[in-house]
Amino acid sequence: MITVDQAIRSSFIKKENNIFSFFIDKNFPAFEGHFPGAPLLPGIAQIEIALFCISRILGKNVCIAEIKKAKFANPVLPAAEIFVSVTENTPYYGILIKDEKKTYAQISMSVDNSAE
């Protein structure tokens, strides 16, 4: 069974500056049970995608120190291509998850970059 972490890595398409592209396949494991018959990507999976992006920017693993704000405006459905924009406003990272038409989430979080 593939983990959500592995699925995030395999969903990653490219990075240009601090904008990351992902294709969230219909078989993404976080859809299982969330919700049967009407799957959507859970907020925690979107936060994990944000951590993946910050880790790529910093070149090392990170974990959440604090989530200052998390607003989930629209559901991410299966077979979605999403763009994740990361901005740094020390000590927080601003995360915007969107596609070409709508915003899915806005997250403000700080990380512990001493994770091994």
Protein backbone atom coordinates (compact mmCIF):
# COMPACT_ATOMS: atom_id res chain seq x y z
CA MET A 1 0.00 0.00 0.00
CA ILE A 2 1.32 3.43 -0.94
CA THR A 3 1.50 6.03 1.85
CA VAL A 4 0.26 9.62 1.57
CA ASP A 5 3.88 10.78 1.76
CA GLN A 6 4.84 8.55 -1.18
CA ALA A 7 1.75 9.69 -3.08
CA ILE A 8 2.71 13.35 -2.59
CA ARG A 9 6.18 12.67 -4.00
CA SER A 10 4.76 10.79 -6.99
CA SER A 11 2.10 13.51 -7.59
CA PHE A 12 4.75 16.23 -7.77
CA ILE A 13 5.21 17.47 -11.35
CA LYS A 14 7.59 20.43 -11.23
CA LYS A 15 8.86 23.46 -9.35
CA GLU A 16 9.37 26.89 -10.87
CA ASN A 17 10.72 29.42 -8.39
CA ASN A 18 8.48 28.83 -5.35
CA ILE A 19 5.49 27.51 -7.26
CA PHE A 20 4.98 23.75 -7.25
CA SER A 21 2.69 21.74 -9.54
CA PHE A 22 0.97 18.52 -8.51
CA PHE A 23 -1.47 16.13 -10.17
CA ILE A 24 -3.70 14.55 -7.53
CA ASP A 25 -4.69 11.25 -9.10
CA LYS A 26 -8.05 9.65 -8.33
CA ASN A 27 -6.14 6.85 -6.57
CA PHE A 28 -4.40 9.22 -4.12
CA PRO A 29 -4.61 7.27 -0.81
CA ALA A 30 -5.98 10.19 1.24
CA PHE A 31 -9.24 9.96 -0.75
CA GLU A 32 -9.96 6.56 0.84
CA GLY A 33 -12.78 7.05 3.31
CA HIS A 34 -12.87 10.83 2.78
CA PHE A 35 -15.69 10.57 1.68
CA PRO A 36 -17.13 7.36 0.20
CA GLY A 37 -18.94 8.21 -3.02
CA ALA A 38 -17.81 11.86 -2.95
CA PRO A 39 -14.03 11.90 -2.40
CA LEU A 40 -12.16 15.09 -1.55
CA LEU A 41 -8.61 15.74 -0.42
CA PRO A 42 -8.51 16.18 3.38
CA GLY A 43 -7.06 19.37 4.82
CA ILE A 44 -4.30 17.42 6.57
CA ALA A 45 -3.14 16.08 3.19
CA GLN A 46 -3.01 19.65 1.88
CA ILE A 47 -0.89 20.61 4.90
CA GLU A 48 1.41 17.64 4.14
CA ILE A 49 1.75 18.91 0.57
CA ALA A 50 2.70 22.33 1.99
CA LEU A 51 5.37 20.70 4.18
CA PHE A 52 6.72 18.84 1.15
CA CYS A 53 7.08 22.16 -0.71
CA ILE A 54 8.80 23.92 2.20
CA SER A 55 11.15 20.94 2.57
CA ARG A 56 12.09 21.22 -1.11
CA ILE A 57 12.80 24.94 -0.74
CA LEU A 58 14.95 24.44 2.37
CA GLY A 59 16.61 21.26 1.08
CA LYS A 60 15.81 19.28 4.22
CA ASN A 61 12.93 17.65 6.07
CA VAL A 62 10.72 19.88 8.20
CA CYS A 63 7.82 19.37 10.57
CA ILE A 64 5.05 21.70 11.69
CA ALA A 65 5.90 24.10 14.50
CA GLU A 66 2.66 26.13 14.35
CA ILE A 67 -0.32 26.59 12.09
CA LYS A 68 -1.31 30.23 12.40
CA LYS A 69 -4.16 30.03 9.87
CA ALA A 70 -5.70 27.37 7.67
CA LYS A 71 -8.63 28.26 5.46
CA PHE A 72 -9.98 25.58 3.12
CA ALA A 73 -12.23 27.42 0.66
CA ASN A 74 -12.97 24.77 -1.99
CA PRO A 75 -12.64 20.98 -2.11
CA VAL A 76 -9.76 19.41 -4.03
CA LEU A 77 -11.36 16.63 -6.04
CA PRO A 78 -9.76 13.58 -7.68
CA ALA A 79 -7.81 14.16 -10.91
CA ALA A 80 -7.02 17.77 -9.99
CA GLU A 81 -3.92 19.65 -11.08
CA ILE A 82 -3.03 22.07 -8.30
CA PHE A 83 -0.42 24.76 -7.89
CA VAL A 84 1.15 25.46 -4.53
CA SER A 85 2.73 28.86 -4.05
CA VAL A 86 5.05 29.35 -1.06
CA THR A 87 6.08 32.75 0.32
CA GLU A 88 8.23 33.35 3.36
CA ASN A 89 7.39 35.99 5.92
CA THR A 90 9.64 34.97 8.81
CA PRO A 91 8.85 32.99 10.86
CA TYR A 92 5.81 31.95 8.81
CA TYR A 93 5.36 30.50 5.35
CA GLY A 94 2.32 31.53 3.36
CA ILE A 95 0.88 28.68 1.32
CA LEU A 96 -1.66 29.20 -1.44
CA ILE A 97 -3.16 26.08 -3.04
CA LYS A 98 -5.09 26.79 -6.22
CA ASP A 99 -5.68 25.94 -9.84
CA GLU A 100 -6.25 28.29 -12.74
CA LYS A 101 -9.83 29.07 -11.68
CA LYS A 102 -10.12 28.88 -7.90
CA THR A 103 -8.33 28.91 -4.60
CA TYR A 104 -8.52 25.74 -2.54
CA ALA A 105 -6.60 26.68 0.59
CA GLN A 106 -4.64 29.42 2.29
CA ILE A 107 -2.30 28.30 5.06
CA SER A 108 0.09 30.25 7.25
CA MET A 109 2.50 28.04 9.17
CA SER A 110 5.91 27.93 10.76
CA VAL A 111 8.13 24.89 10.66
CA ASP A 112 10.81 23.24 12.71
CA ASN A 113 13.62 22.79 10.22
CA SER A 114 15.83 20.86 12.60
CA ALA A 115 13.92 17.63 11.77
CA GLU A 116 16.15 14.77 10.74
